[in-house]
């Protein structure tokens, strides 16, 4: 989840928004933004996708076949 946390925090700062402002714009609670940016793992995927939608992104399932390509097992 660290990559998600870093992505959201970096993008939020690039658009010069506080966590509070960002929460308001994305329509989620401030606690959702804080949990994402802290790298918490017990997140609601729908809420995460509301946040990511602001940047044109979405979380979704990834095939294990695709995620293992290029890995030395």
Foldseek 3Di string as FASTA:
>chain_A
DQVQLVVLVVVCVVVPDDLCRLCVVLVHDSVLNVCRNVPPDPHDQVSSQSSCVVVPDHDDDDDPVVVCPPPDD
